[in-house]
Amino acid sequence: MKHIKLHWLLLLALAAPFGAAAQAGGSAAGETQLEQGKQLYQYWCSACHAPGPGHPGTQALEARLQGSMPAVLEERTNLTPALVEVFVRNGISIMPFFRRTEINDEELAAIGADWSHNPGE
C-alpha cells in the first residue's frame, strides 16, 4: 500500500460510507439500472479488467495488490458505487479517467449499482 498516494487513501476512506445508501433497490427501474450497469461494464471496463492474461487493469492490480485481494474486479466484494465513481472519474495508475461525455453520471450510477448489488457476478 505504500505505493498508493495519501490522497487516494483519503478518498477511499471518505467514499466507503456512501456505498450502503446506494444498495437499495429491487423495483423494475432498479432491475433496468442493474442490467444497464452490466452492459456498461462489459463495454467500458471488461477489456482491461476481465480475468486472464492480456487485461492491463487486472495485471496492474495484481502487481499493486500482491494477493491481498482479488485483482479481477468481477471477483471483488468491496467495491461501492462511490468507490467506483472515484476511480472512474479520477483514474489511477495506468487507468485513465473517464469524462462525463464518455460515461455520464446516470451510466456511472448504473455501473456502481450493478457492482454493489451483485459483486462477483
PDB file of N, CA and C in Angstrom:
ATOM      1  N   MET A   1       0.809  -1.199   0.000  1.00  0.00           N
ATOM      2  CA  MET A   1       0.000   0.000   0.000  1.00  0.00           C
ATOM      3  C   MET A   1       0.848   1.257   0.000  1.00  0.00           C
ATOM      4  N   LYS A   2       2.155   1.109   0.210  1.00  0.00           N
ATOM      5  CA  LYS A   2       2.978   2.300   0.254  1.00  0.00           C
ATOM      6  C   LYS A   2       3.021   3.020  -1.081  1.00  0.00           C
ATOM      7  N   HIS A   3       2.583   2.335  -2.156  1.00  0.00           N
ATOM      8  CA  HIS A   3       2.578   2.960  -3.469  1.00  0.00           C
ATOM      9  C   HIS A   3       1.335   3.805  -3.718  1.00  0.00           C
ATOM     10  N   ILE A   4       0.325   3.618  -2.893  1.00  0.00           N
ATOM     11  CA  ILE A   4      -0.894   4.402  -3.053  1.00  0.00           C
ATOM     12  C   ILE A   4      -0.682   5.753  -2.381  1.00  0.00           C
ATOM     13  N   LYS A   5      -0.944   6.800  -3.117  1.00  0.00           N
ATOM     14  CA  LYS A   5      -0.761   8.130  -2.560  1.00  0.00           C
ATOM     15  C   LYS A   5      -1.778   8.387  -1.448  1.00  0.00           C
ATOM     16  N   LEU A   6      -1.383   9.227  -0.517  1.00  0.00           N
ATOM     17  CA  LEU A   6      -2.216   9.534   0.642  1.00  0.00           C
ATOM     18  C   LEU A   6      -3.588  10.050   0.228  1.00  0.00           C
ATOM     19  N   HIS A   7      -3.673  10.874  -0.823  1.00  0.00           N
ATOM     20  CA  HIS A   7      -4.981  11.408  -1.199  1.00  0.00           C
ATOM     21  C   HIS A   7      -5.914  10.304  -1.679  1.00  0.00           C
ATOM     22  N   TRP A   8      -5.394   9.242  -2.272  1.00  0.00           N
ATOM     23  CA  TRP A   8      -6.257   8.124  -2.672  1.00  0.00           C
ATOM     24  C   TRP A   8      -6.793   7.399  -1.446  1.00  0.00           C
ATOM     25  N   LEU A   9      -5.952   7.242  -0.446  1.00  0.00           N
ATOM     26  CA  LEU A   9      -6.421   6.607   0.780  1.00  0.00           C
ATOM     27  C   LEU A   9      -7.522   7.430   1.426  1.00  0.00           C
ATOM     28  N   LEU A  10      -7.348   8.734   1.421  1.00  0.00           N
ATOM     29  CA  LEU A  10      -8.362   9.610   1.977  1.00  0.00           C
ATOM     30  C   LEU A  10      -9.657   9.512   1.179  1.00  0.00           C
ATOM     31  N   LEU A  11      -9.562   9.517  -0.152  1.00  0.00           N
ATOM     32  CA  LEU A  11     -10.758   9.386  -0.980  1.00  0.00           C
ATOM     33  C   LEU A  11     -11.460   8.058  -0.730  1.00  0.00           C
ATOM     34  N   LEU A  12     -10.700   7.001  -0.590  1.00  0.00           N
ATOM     35  CA  LEU A  12     -11.284   5.688  -0.323  1.00  0.00           C
ATOM     36  C   LEU A  12     -12.001   5.687   1.024  1.00  0.00           C
ATOM     37  N   ALA A  13     -11.373   6.266   2.018  1.00  0.00           N
ATOM     38  CA  ALA A  13     -11.973   6.312   3.349  1.00  0.00           C
ATOM     39  C   ALA A  13     -13.252   7.138   3.354  1.00  0.00           C
ATOM     40  N   LEU A  14     -13.254   8.228   2.615  1.00  0.00           N
ATOM     41  CA  LEU A  14     -14.438   9.079   2.559  1.00  0.00           C
ATOM     42  C   LEU A  14     -15.549   8.455   1.728  1.00  0.00           C
ATOM     43  N   ALA A  15     -15.200   7.686   0.710  1.00  0.00           N
ATOM     44  CA  ALA A  15     -16.205   7.116  -0.188  1.00  0.00           C
ATOM     45  C   ALA A  15     -16.913   5.917   0.414  1.00  0.00           C
ATOM     46  N   ALA A  16     -16.267   5.153   1.256  1.00  0.00           N
ATOM     47  CA  ALA A  16     -16.811   3.891   1.757  1.00  0.00           C
ATOM     48  C   ALA A  16     -18.186   4.020   2.416  1.00  0.00           C
ATOM     49  N   PRO A  17     -18.432   5.007   3.291  1.00  0.00           N
ATOM     50  CA  PRO A  17     -19.734   5.053   3.964  1.00  0.00           C
ATOM     51  C   PRO A  17     -20.913   5.296   3.033  1.00  0.00           C
ATOM     52  N   PHE A  18     -20.676   5.847   1.845  1.00  0.00           N
ATOM     53  CA  PHE A  18     -21.769   6.187   0.954  1.00  0.00           C
ATOM     54  C   PHE A  18     -22.253   5.006   0.134  1.00  0.00           C
ATOM     55  N   GLY A  19     -21.513   3.929   0.106  1.00  0.00           N
ATOM     56  CA  GLY A  19     -21.883   2.773  -0.686  1.00  0.00           C
ATOM     57  C   GLY A  19     -23.156   2.105  -0.220  1.00  0.00           C
ATOM     58  N   ALA A  20     -23.368   2.014   1.079  1.00  0.00           N
ATOM     59  CA  ALA A  20     -24.538   1.319   1.609  1.00  0.00           C
ATOM     60  C   ALA A  20     -25.835   2.007   1.194  1.00  0.00           C
ATOM     61  N   ALA A  21     -25.826   3.326   1.113  1.00  0.00           N
ATOM     62  CA  ALA A  21     -27.040   4.045   0.743  1.00  0.00           C
ATOM     63  C   ALA A  21     -27.455   3.752  -0.693  1.00  0.00           C
ATOM     64  N   ALA A  22     -26.520   3.434  -1.550  1.00  0.00           N
ATOM     65  CA  ALA A  22     -26.833   3.185  -2.955  1.00  0.00           C
ATOM     66  C   ALA A  22     -27.225   1.743  -3.223  1.00  0.00           C
ATOM     67  N   GLN A  23     -27.249   0.888  -2.212  1.00  0.00           N
ATOM     68  CA  GLN A  23     -27.518  -0.517  -2.438  1.00  0.00           C
ATOM     69  C   GLN A  23     -29.005  -0.858  -2.416  1.00  0.00           C
ATOM     70  N   ALA A  24     -29.838   0.069  -2.054  1.00  0.00           N
ATOM     71  CA  ALA A  24     -31.265  -0.206  -2.033  1.00  0.00           C
ATOM     72  C   ALA A  24     -31.780  -0.377  -3.452  1.00  0.00           C
ATOM     73  N   GLY A  25     -32.828  -1.136  -3.637  1.00  0.00           N
ATOM     74  CA  GLY A  25     -33.376  -1.321  -4.969  1.00  0.00           C
ATOM     75  C   GLY A  25     -34.212  -2.573  -5.031  1.00  0.00           C
ATOM     76  N   GLY A  26     -34.545  -2.997  -6.228  1.00  0.00           N
ATOM     77  CA  GLY A  26     -35.332  -4.188  -6.415  1.00  0.00           C
ATOM     78  C   GLY A  26     -36.557  -3.920  -7.264  1.00  0.00           C
ATOM     79  N   SER A  27     -36.873  -2.667  -7.510  1.00  0.00           N
ATOM     80  CA  SER A  27     -38.013  -2.335  -8.345  1.00  0.00           C
ATOM     81  C   SER A  27     -37.658  -2.609  -9.803  1.00  0.00           C
ATOM     82  N   ALA A  28     -38.645  -2.482 -10.664  1.00  0.00           N
ATOM     83  CA  ALA A  28     -38.398  -2.672 -12.097  1.00  0.00           C
ATOM     84  C   ALA A  28     -37.367  -1.674 -12.600  1.00  0.00           C
ATOM     85  N   ALA A  29     -37.457  -0.444 -12.118  1.00  0.00           N
ATOM     86  CA  ALA A  29     -36.468   0.563 -12.513  1.00  0.00           C
ATOM     87  C   ALA A  29     -35.092   0.170 -12.018  1.00  0.00           C
ATOM     88  N   GLY A  30     -35.018  -0.384 -10.800  1.00  0.00           N
ATOM     89  CA  GLY A  30     -33.742  -0.835 -10.251  1.00  0.00           C
ATOM     90  C   GLY A  30     -33.165  -1.980 -11.067  1.00  0.00           C
ATOM     91  N   GLU A  31     -34.009  -2.911 -11.493  1.00  0.00           N
ATOM     92  CA  GLU A  31     -33.549  -4.033 -12.312  1.00  0.00           C
ATOM     93  C   GLU A  31     -33.054  -3.538 -13.668  1.00  0.00           C
ATOM     94  N   THR A  32     -33.724  -2.544 -14.243  1.00  0.00           N
ATOM     95  CA  THR A  32     -33.274  -1.965 -15.506  1.00  0.00           C
ATOM     96  C   THR A  32     -31.911  -1.318 -15.324  1.00  0.00           C
ATOM     97  N   GLN A  33     -31.720  -0.615 -14.217  1.00  0.00           N
ATOM     98  CA  GLN A  33     -30.434   0.013 -13.936  1.00  0.00           C
ATOM     99  C   GLN A  33     -29.343  -1.042 -13.776  1.00  0.00           C
ATOM    100  N   LEU A  34     -29.659  -2.153 -13.119  1.00  0.00           N
ATOM    101  CA  LEU A  34     -28.676  -3.221 -12.943  1.00  0.00           C
ATOM    102  C   LEU A  34     -28.274  -3.819 -14.284  1.00  0.00           C
ATOM    103  N   GLU A  35     -29.240  -4.051 -15.148  1.00  0.00           N
ATOM    104  CA  GLU A  35     -28.929  -4.604 -16.472  1.00  0.00           C
ATOM    105  C   GLU A  35     -28.086  -3.611 -17.277  1.00  0.00           C
ATOM    106  N   GLN A  36     -28.444  -2.330 -17.209  1.00  0.00           N
ATOM    107  CA  GLN A  36     -27.666  -1.312 -17.889  1.00  0.00           C
ATOM    108  C   GLN A  36     -26.241  -1.290 -17.339  1.00  0.00           C
ATOM    109  N   GLY A  37     -26.099  -1.426 -16.024  1.00  0.00           N
ATOM    110  CA  GLY A  37     -24.775  -1.441 -15.412  1.00  0.00           C
ATOM    111  C   GLY A  37     -23.916  -2.586 -15.916  1.00  0.00           C
ATOM    112  N   LYS A  38     -24.513  -3.772 -16.055  1.00  0.00           N
ATOM    113  CA  LYS A  38     -23.777  -4.929 -16.582  1.00  0.00           C
ATOM    114  C   LYS A  38     -23.312  -4.679 -18.011  1.00  0.00           C
ATOM    115  N   GLN A  39     -24.197  -4.129 -18.819  1.00  0.00           N
ATOM    116  CA  GLN A  39     -23.850  -3.853 -20.212  1.00  0.00           C
ATOM    117  C   GLN A  39     -22.756  -2.788 -20.304  1.00  0.00           C
ATOM    118  N   LEU A  40     -22.874  -1.756 -19.489  1.00  0.00           N
ATOM    119  CA  LEU A  40     -21.861  -0.699 -19.499  1.00  0.00           C
ATOM    120  C   LEU A  40     -20.515  -1.213 -19.007  1.00  0.00           C
ATOM    121  N   TYR A  41     -20.515  -2.063 -17.992  1.00  0.00           N
ATOM    122  CA  TYR A  41     -19.269  -2.655 -17.514  1.00  0.00           C
ATOM    123  C   TYR A  41     -18.618  -3.455 -18.639  1.00  0.00           C
ATOM    124  N   GLN A  42     -19.401  -4.253 -19.337  1.00  0.00           N
ATOM    125  CA  GLN A  42     -18.850  -5.039 -20.440  1.00  0.00           C
ATOM    126  C   GLN A  42     -18.261  -4.124 -21.518  1.00  0.00           C
ATOM    127  N   TYR A  43     -18.936  -3.031 -21.817  1.00  0.00           N
ATOM    128  CA  TYR A  43     -18.485  -2.121 -22.870  1.00  0.00           C
ATOM    129  C   TYR A  43     -17.233  -1.331 -22.466  1.00  0.00           C
ATOM    130  N   TRP A  44     -17.263  -0.715 -21.271  1.00  0.00           N
ATOM    131  CA  TRP A  44     -16.210   0.204 -20.877  1.00  0.00           C
ATOM    132  C   TRP A  44     -15.081  -0.431 -20.068  1.00  0.00           C
ATOM    133  N   CYS A  45     -15.351  -1.462 -19.303  1.00  0.00           N
ATOM    134  CA  CYS A  45     -14.406  -1.916 -18.283  1.00  0.00           C
ATOM    135  C   CYS A  45     -13.763  -3.269 -18.541  1.00  0.00           C
ATOM    136  N   SER A  46     -14.514  -4.195 -19.116  1.00  0.00           N
ATOM    137  CA  SER A  46     -14.045  -5.575 -19.177  1.00  0.00           C
ATOM    138  C   SER A  46     -12.806  -5.762 -20.044  1.00  0.00           C
ATOM    139  N   ALA A  47     -12.587  -4.939 -21.033  1.00  0.00           N
ATOM    140  CA  ALA A  47     -11.390  -5.092 -21.870  1.00  0.00           C
ATOM    141  C   ALA A  47     -10.109  -4.978 -21.043  1.00  0.00           C
ATOM    142  N   CYS A  48     -10.130  -4.174 -20.008  1.00  0.00           N
ATOM    143  CA  CYS A  48      -8.952  -4.004 -19.149  1.00  0.00           C
ATOM    144  C   CYS A  48      -9.042  -4.808 -17.855  1.00  0.00           C
ATOM    145  N   HIS A  49     -10.258  -5.071 -17.369  1.00  0.00           N
ATOM    146  CA  HIS A  49     -10.421  -5.634 -16.028  1.00  0.00           C
ATOM    147  C   HIS A  49     -10.956  -7.058 -15.980  1.00  0.00           C
ATOM    148  N   ALA A  50     -11.093  -7.722 -17.109  1.00  0.00           N
ATOM    149  CA  ALA A  50     -11.555  -9.114 -17.111  1.00  0.00           C
ATOM    150  C   ALA A  50     -10.439 -10.032 -16.618  1.00  0.00           C
ATOM    151  N   PRO A  51     -10.788 -11.268 -16.266  1.00  0.00           N
ATOM    152  CA  PRO A  51      -9.758 -12.214 -15.831  1.00  0.00           C
ATOM    153  C   PRO A  51      -8.892 -12.685 -17.000  1.00  0.00           C
ATOM    154  N   GLY A  52      -7.717 -13.152 -16.655  1.00  0.00           N
ATOM    155  CA  GLY A  52      -6.825 -13.744 -17.648  1.00  0.00           C
ATOM    156  C   GLY A  52      -5.784 -12.785 -18.181  1.00  0.00           C
ATOM    157  N   PRO A  53      -4.835 -13.340 -18.918  1.00  0.00           N
ATOM    158  CA  PRO A  53      -3.766 -12.514 -19.484  1.00  0.00           C
ATOM    159  C   PRO A  53      -4.307 -11.546 -20.536  1.00  0.00           C
ATOM    160  N   GLY A  54      -3.584 -10.483 -20.741  1.00  0.00           N
ATOM    161  CA  GLY A  54      -3.959  -9.510 -21.757  1.00  0.00           C
ATOM    162  C   GLY A  54      -4.936  -8.457 -21.296  1.00  0.00           C
ATOM    163  N   HIS A  55      -5.163  -8.360 -19.996  1.00  0.00           N
ATOM    164  CA  HIS A  55      -6.057  -7.339 -19.445  1.00  0.00           C
ATOM    165  C   HIS A  55      -5.219  -6.433 -18.542  1.00  0.00           C
ATOM    166  N   PRO A  56      -4.806  -5.288 -19.051  1.00  0.00           N
ATOM    167  CA  PRO A  56      -3.838  -4.451 -18.332  1.00  0.00           C
ATOM    168  C   PRO A  56      -4.313  -3.964 -16.965  1.00  0.00           C
ATOM    169  N   GLY A  57      -5.597  -3.709 -16.791  1.00  0.00           N
ATOM    170  CA  GLY A  57      -6.098  -3.286 -15.478  1.00  0.00           C
ATOM    171  C   GLY A  57      -5.945  -4.387 -14.451  1.00  0.00           C
ATOM    172  N   THR A  58      -6.254  -5.609 -14.845  1.00  0.00           N
ATOM    173  CA  THR A  58      -6.107  -6.747 -13.949  1.00  0.00           C
ATOM    174  C   THR A  58      -4.638  -6.978 -13.622  1.00  0.00           C
ATOM    175  N   GLN A  59      -3.782  -6.879 -14.627  1.00  0.00           N
ATOM    176  CA  GLN A  59      -2.354  -7.078 -14.404  1.00  0.00           C
ATOM    177  C   GLN A  59      -1.779  -6.004 -13.479  1.00  0.00           C
ATOM    178  N   ALA A  60      -2.203  -4.760 -13.655  1.00  0.00           N
ATOM    179  CA  ALA A  60      -1.729  -3.679 -12.788  1.00  0.00           C
ATOM    180  C   ALA A  60      -2.192  -3.908 -11.346  1.00  0.00           C
ATOM    181  N   LEU A  61      -3.437  -4.358 -11.187  1.00  0.00           N
ATOM    182  CA  LEU A  61      -3.934  -4.630  -9.836  1.00  0.00           C
ATOM    183  C   LEU A  61      -3.238  -5.829  -9.211  1.00  0.00           C
ATOM    184  N   GLU A  62      -2.889  -6.820 -10.004  1.00  0.00           N
ATOM    185  CA  GLU A  62      -2.120  -7.958  -9.476  1.00  0.00           C
ATOM    186  C   GLU A  62      -0.793  -7.473  -8.897  1.00  0.00           C
ATOM    187  N   ALA A  63      -0.123  -6.597  -9.631  1.00  0.00           N
ATOM    188  CA  ALA A  63       1.165  -6.072  -9.158  1.00  0.00           C
ATOM    189  C   ALA A  63       0.983  -5.209  -7.909  1.00  0.00           C
ATOM    190  N   ARG A  64      -0.060  -4.406  -7.884  1.00  0.00           N
ATOM    191  CA  ARG A  64      -0.298  -3.492  -6.765  1.00  0.00           C
ATOM    192  C   ARG A  64      -0.773  -4.228  -5.515  1.00  0.00           C
ATOM    193  N   LEU A  65      -1.703  -5.152  -5.691  1.00  0.00           N
ATOM    194  CA  LEU A  65      -2.336  -5.809  -4.542  1.00  0.00           C
ATOM    195  C   LEU A  65      -1.552  -7.001  -4.016  1.00  0.00           C
ATOM    196  N   GLN A  66      -0.739  -7.585  -4.833  1.00  0.00           N
ATOM    197  CA  GLN A  66       0.126  -8.708  -4.453  1.00  0.00           C
ATOM    198  C   GLN A  66      -0.614  -9.776  -3.648  1.00  0.00           C
ATOM    199  N   GLY A  67      -1.809 -10.132  -4.119  1.00  0.00           N
ATOM    200  CA  GLY A  67      -2.564 -11.206  -3.487  1.00  0.00           C
ATOM    201  C   GLY A  67      -3.358 -10.824  -2.258  1.00  0.00           C
ATOM    202  N   SER A  68      -3.327  -9.566  -1.838  1.00  0.00           N
ATOM    203  CA  SER A  68      -4.066  -9.162  -0.646  1.00  0.00           C
ATOM    204  C   SER A  68      -5.587  -9.186  -0.865  1.00  0.00           C
ATOM    205  N   MET A  69      -6.007  -9.085  -2.117  1.00  0.00           N
ATOM    206  CA  MET A  69      -7.404  -9.211  -2.512  1.00  0.00           C
ATOM    207  C   MET A  69      -7.413  -9.519  -4.006  1.00  0.00           C
ATOM    208  N   PRO A  70      -8.529  -9.964  -4.554  1.00  0.00           N
ATOM    209  CA  PRO A  70      -8.557 -10.314  -5.974  1.00  0.00           C
ATOM    210  C   PRO A  70      -8.239  -9.121  -6.879  1.00  0.00           C
ATOM    211  N   ALA A  71      -7.460  -9.375  -7.902  1.00  0.00           N
ATOM    212  CA  ALA A  71      -7.146  -8.339  -8.887  1.00  0.00           C
ATOM    213  C   ALA A  71      -8.245  -8.226  -9.934  1.00  0.00           C
ATOM    214  N   VAL A  72      -8.984  -9.299 -10.144  1.00  0.00           N
ATOM    215  CA  VAL A  72     -10.089  -9.309 -11.107  1.00  0.00           C
ATOM    216  C   VAL A  72     -11.276  -8.595 -10.462  1.00  0.00           C
ATOM    217  N   LEU A  73     -11.723  -7.500 -11.062  1.00  0.00           N
ATOM    218  CA  LEU A  73     -12.803  -6.717 -10.461  1.00  0.00           C
ATOM    219  C   LEU A  73     -14.069  -7.533 -10.266  1.00  0.00           C
ATOM    220  N   GLU A  74     -14.351  -8.452 -11.162  1.00  0.00           N
ATOM    221  CA  GLU A  74     -15.558  -9.263 -11.064  1.00  0.00           C
ATOM    222  C   GLU A  74     -15.551 -10.166  -9.828  1.00  0.00           C
ATOM    223  N   GLU A  75     -14.397 -10.348  -9.204  1.00  0.00           N
ATOM    224  CA  GLU A  75     -14.283 -11.170  -8.005  1.00  0.00           C
ATOM    225  C   GLU A  75     -14.267 -10.342  -6.725  1.00  0.00           C
ATOM    226  N   ARG A  76     -14.285  -9.040  -6.846  1.00  0.00           N
ATOM    227  CA  ARG A  76     -14.200  -8.171  -5.673  1.00  0.00           C
ATOM    228  C   ARG A  76     -15.565  -8.004  -5.029  1.00  0.00           C
ATOM    229  N   THR A  77     -15.576  -7.911  -3.720  1.00  0.00           N
ATOM    230  CA  THR A  77     -16.817  -7.690  -2.973  1.00  0.00           C
ATOM    231  C   THR A  77     -16.786  -6.380  -2.193  1.00  0.00           C
ATOM    232  N   ASN A  78     -15.722  -5.622  -2.316  1.00  0.00           N
ATOM    233  CA  ASN A  78     -15.571  -4.403  -1.525  1.00  0.00           C
ATOM    234  C   ASN A  78     -15.719  -3.132  -2.347  1.00  0.00           C
ATOM    235  N   LEU A  79     -16.261  -3.221  -3.537  1.00  0.00           N
ATOM    236  CA  LEU A  79     -16.413  -2.031  -4.370  1.00  0.00           C
ATOM    237  C   LEU A  79     -17.799  -1.436  -4.168  1.00  0.00           C
ATOM    238  N   THR A  80     -17.843  -0.192  -3.732  1.00  0.00           N
ATOM    239  CA  THR A  80     -19.099   0.525  -3.550  1.00  0.00           C
ATOM    240  C   THR A  80     -19.313   1.447  -4.740  1.00  0.00           C
ATOM    241  N   PRO A  81     -20.542   1.909  -4.975  1.00  0.00           N
ATOM    242  CA  PRO A  81     -20.768   2.866  -6.053  1.00  0.00           C
ATOM    243  C   PRO A  81     -19.886   4.110  -5.924  1.00  0.00           C
ATOM    244  N   ALA A  82     -19.708   4.598  -4.709  1.00  0.00           N
ATOM    245  CA  ALA A  82     -18.878   5.795  -4.511  1.00  0.00           C
ATOM    246  C   ALA A  82     -17.421   5.517  -4.853  1.00  0.00           C
ATOM    247  N   LEU A  83     -16.936   4.350  -4.504  1.00  0.00           N
ATOM    248  CA  LEU A  83     -15.555   3.994  -4.807  1.00  0.00           C
ATOM    249  C   LEU A  83     -15.357   3.823  -6.305  1.00  0.00           C
ATOM    250  N   VAL A  84     -16.305   3.173  -6.976  1.00  0.00           N
ATOM    251  CA  VAL A  84     -16.243   3.031  -8.431  1.00  0.00           C
ATOM    252  C   VAL A  84     -16.194   4.414  -9.071  1.00  0.00           C
ATOM    253  N   GLU A  85     -17.029   5.323  -8.582  1.00  0.00           N
ATOM    254  CA  GLU A  85     -17.061   6.678  -9.132  1.00  0.00           C
ATOM    255  C   GLU A  85     -15.712   7.385  -8.974  1.00  0.00           C
ATOM    256  N   VAL A  86     -15.082   7.239  -7.829  1.00  0.00           N
ATOM    257  CA  VAL A  86     -13.779   7.883  -7.598  1.00  0.00           C
ATOM    258  C   VAL A  86     -12.772   7.434  -8.651  1.00  0.00           C
ATOM    259  N   PHE A  87     -12.687   6.123  -8.880  1.00  0.00           N
ATOM    260  CA  PHE A  87     -11.700   5.629  -9.829  1.00  0.00           C
ATOM    261  C   PHE A  87     -12.068   5.951 -11.269  1.00  0.00           C
ATOM    262  N   VAL A  88     -13.351   5.879 -11.621  1.00  0.00           N
ATOM    263  CA  VAL A  88     -13.760   6.178 -12.994  1.00  0.00           C
ATOM    264  C   VAL A  88     -13.549   7.657 -13.307  1.00  0.00           C
ATOM    265  N   ARG A  89     -13.905   8.526 -12.389  1.00  0.00           N
ATOM    266  CA  ARG A  89     -13.780   9.967 -12.655  1.00  0.00           C
ATOM    267  C   ARG A  89     -12.351  10.490 -12.529  1.00  0.00           C
ATOM    268  N   ASN A  90     -11.512   9.852 -11.709  1.00  0.00           N
ATOM    269  CA  ASN A  90     -10.161  10.359 -11.468  1.00  0.00           C
ATOM    270  C   ASN A  90      -9.066   9.514 -12.090  1.00  0.00           C
ATOM    271  N   GLY A  91      -9.358   8.265 -12.416  1.00  0.00           N
ATOM    272  CA  GLY A  91      -8.324   7.364 -12.898  1.00  0.00           C
ATOM    273  C   GLY A  91      -7.329   7.063 -11.786  1.00  0.00           C
ATOM    274  N   ILE A  92      -6.437   6.131 -12.044  1.00  0.00           N
ATOM    275  CA  ILE A  92      -5.373   5.799 -11.099  1.00  0.00           C
ATOM    276  C   ILE A  92      -4.358   4.955 -11.841  1.00  0.00           C
ATOM    277  N   SER A  93      -3.106   5.170 -11.568  1.00  0.00           N
ATOM    278  CA  SER A  93      -2.032   4.395 -12.189  1.00  0.00           C
ATOM    279  C   SER A  93      -2.199   4.418 -13.703  1.00  0.00           C
ATOM    280  N   ILE A  94      -2.335   3.252 -14.339  1.00  0.00           N
ATOM    281  CA  ILE A  94      -2.461   3.215 -15.798  1.00  0.00           C
ATOM    282  C   ILE A  94      -3.898   3.432 -16.263  1.00  0.00           C
ATOM    283  N   MET A  95      -4.855   3.455 -15.332  1.00  0.00           N
ATOM    284  CA  MET A  95      -6.253   3.651 -15.706  1.00  0.00           C
ATOM    285  C   MET A  95      -6.520   5.128 -15.953  1.00  0.00           C
ATOM    286  N   PRO A  96      -7.041   5.440 -17.137  1.00  0.00           N
ATOM    287  CA  PRO A  96      -7.375   6.845 -17.404  1.00  0.00           C
ATOM    288  C   PRO A  96      -8.662   7.239 -16.676  1.00  0.00           C
ATOM    289  N   PHE A  97      -8.875   8.529 -16.536  1.00  0.00           N
ATOM    290  CA  PHE A  97     -10.173   8.980 -16.030  1.00  0.00           C
ATOM    291  C   PHE A  97     -11.145   8.987 -17.200  1.00  0.00           C
ATOM    292  N   PHE A  98     -12.433   8.919 -16.893  1.00  0.00           N
ATOM    293  CA  PHE A  98     -13.465   8.964 -17.918  1.00  0.00           C
ATOM    294  C   PHE A  98     -14.296  10.218 -17.724  1.00  0.00           C
ATOM    295  N   ARG A  99     -14.453  10.973 -18.793  1.00  0.00           N
ATOM    296  CA  ARG A  99     -15.233  12.213 -18.758  1.00  0.00           C
ATOM    297  C   ARG A  99     -16.731  11.901 -18.725  1.00  0.00           C
ATOM    298  N   ARG A 100     -17.504  12.870 -18.289  1.00  0.00           N
ATOM    299  CA  ARG A 100     -18.963  12.724 -18.281  1.00  0.00           C
ATOM    300  C   ARG A 100     -19.519  12.609 -19.697  1.00  0.00           C
ATOM    301  N   THR A 101     -18.777  13.057 -20.686  1.00  0.00           N
ATOM    302  CA  THR A 101     -19.212  12.895 -22.072  1.00  0.00           C
ATOM    303  C   THR A 101     -18.969  11.474 -22.575  1.00  0.00           C
ATOM    304  N   GLU A 102     -18.162  10.708 -21.849  1.00  0.00           N
ATOM    305  CA  GLU A 102     -17.924   9.302 -22.196  1.00  0.00           C
ATOM    306  C   GLU A 102     -18.864   8.395 -21.394  1.00  0.00           C
ATOM    307  N   ILE A 103     -18.816   8.518 -20.088  1.00  0.00           N
ATOM    308  CA  ILE A 103     -19.712   7.796 -19.178  1.00  0.00           C
ATOM    309  C   ILE A 103     -20.424   8.861 -18.361  1.00  0.00           C
ATOM    310  N   ASN A 104     -21.705   9.075 -18.658  1.00  0.00           N
ATOM    311  CA  ASN A 104     -22.404  10.139 -17.936  1.00  0.00           C
ATOM    312  C   ASN A 104     -22.738   9.688 -16.514  1.00  0.00           C
ATOM    313  N   ASP A 105     -23.230  10.595 -15.707  1.00  0.00           N
ATOM    314  CA  ASP A 105     -23.485  10.298 -14.294  1.00  0.00           C
ATOM    315  C   ASP A 105     -24.509   9.181 -14.109  1.00  0.00           C
ATOM    316  N   GLU A 106     -25.542   9.145 -14.940  1.00  0.00           N
ATOM    317  CA  GLU A 106     -26.553   8.090 -14.848  1.00  0.00           C
ATOM    318  C   GLU A 106     -25.937   6.723 -15.177  1.00  0.00           C
ATOM    319  N   GLU A 107     -25.112   6.683 -16.205  1.00  0.00           N
ATOM    320  CA  GLU A 107     -24.449   5.432 -16.571  1.00  0.00           C
ATOM    321  C   GLU A 107     -23.480   4.979 -15.481  1.00  0.00           C
ATOM    322  N   LEU A 108     -22.751   5.920 -14.916  1.00  0.00           N
ATOM    323  CA  LEU A 108     -21.820   5.591 -13.845  1.00  0.00           C
ATOM    324  C   LEU A 108     -22.571   5.069 -12.619  1.00  0.00           C
ATOM    325  N   ALA A 109     -23.717   5.661 -12.323  1.00  0.00           N
ATOM    326  CA  ALA A 109     -24.549   5.168 -11.218  1.00  0.00           C
ATOM    327  C   ALA A 109     -25.015   3.744 -11.492  1.00  0.00           C
ATOM    328  N   ALA A 110     -25.324   3.439 -12.744  1.00  0.00           N
ATOM    329  CA  ALA A 110     -25.753   2.080 -13.106  1.00  0.00           C
ATOM    330  C   ALA A 110     -24.618   1.083 -12.920  1.00  0.00           C
ATOM    331  N   ILE A 111     -23.411   1.460 -13.316  1.00  0.00           N
ATOM    332  CA  ILE A 111     -22.258   0.576 -13.113  1.00  0.00           C
ATOM    333  C   ILE A 111     -22.060   0.331 -11.620  1.00  0.00           C
ATOM    334  N   GLY A 112     -22.113   1.377 -10.826  1.00  0.00           N
ATOM    335  CA  GLY A 112     -21.945   1.241  -9.378  1.00  0.00           C
ATOM    336  C   GLY A 112     -23.069   0.446  -8.734  1.00  0.00           C
ATOM    337  N   ALA A 113     -24.301   0.627  -9.199  1.00  0.00           N
ATOM    338  CA  ALA A 113     -25.437  -0.112  -8.642  1.00  0.00           C
ATOM    339  C   ALA A 113     -25.311  -1.594  -8.945  1.00  0.00           C
ATOM    340  N   ASP A 114     -24.896  -1.921 -10.151  1.00  0.00           N
ATOM    341  CA  ASP A 114     -24.693  -3.320 -10.513  1.00  0.00           C
ATOM    342  C   ASP A 114     -23.631  -3.927  -9.620  1.00  0.00           C
ATOM    343  N   TRP A 115     -22.585  -3.173  -9.397  1.00  0.00           N
ATOM    344  CA  TRP A 115     -21.483  -3.690  -8.586  1.00  0.00           C
ATOM    345  C   TRP A 115     -21.911  -3.952  -7.151  1.00  0.00           C
ATOM    346  N   SER A 116     -22.612  -3.007  -6.558  1.00  0.00           N
ATOM    347  CA  SER A 116     -22.990  -3.168  -5.156  1.00  0.00           C
ATOM    348  C   SER A 116     -24.095  -4.193  -4.974  1.00  0.00           C
ATOM    349  N   HIS A 117     -24.889  -4.413  -6.011  1.00  0.00           N
ATOM    350  CA  HIS A 117     -25.994  -5.370  -5.923  1.00  0.00           C
ATOM    351  C   HIS A 117     -25.524  -6.803  -6.124  1.00  0.00           C
ATOM    352  N   ASN A 118     -24.607  -7.013  -7.049  1.00  0.00           N
ATOM    353  CA  ASN A 118     -24.158  -8.366  -7.392  1.00  0.00           C
ATOM    354  C   ASN A 118     -22.656  -8.460  -7.508  1.00  0.00           C
ATOM    355  N   PRO A 119     -21.905  -8.170  -6.452  1.00  0.00           N
ATOM    356  CA  PRO A 119     -20.465  -8.299  -6.583  1.00  0.00           C
ATOM    357  C   PRO A 119     -20.079  -9.742  -6.867  1.00  0.00           C
ATOM    358  N   GLY A 120     -19.128  -9.889  -7.721  1.00  0.00           N
ATOM    359  CA  GLY A 120     -18.624 -11.219  -8.018  1.00  0.00           C
ATOM    360  C   GLY A 120     -19.392 -11.936  -9.114  1.00  0.00           C
ATOM    361  N   GLU A 121     -20.407 -11.325  -9.703  1.00  0.00           N
ATOM    362  CA  GLU A 121     -21.131 -11.969 -10.792  1.00  0.00           C
ATOM    363  C   GLU A 121     -20.646 -11.455 -12.114  1.00  0.00           C
TER     364      GLU A 121
END
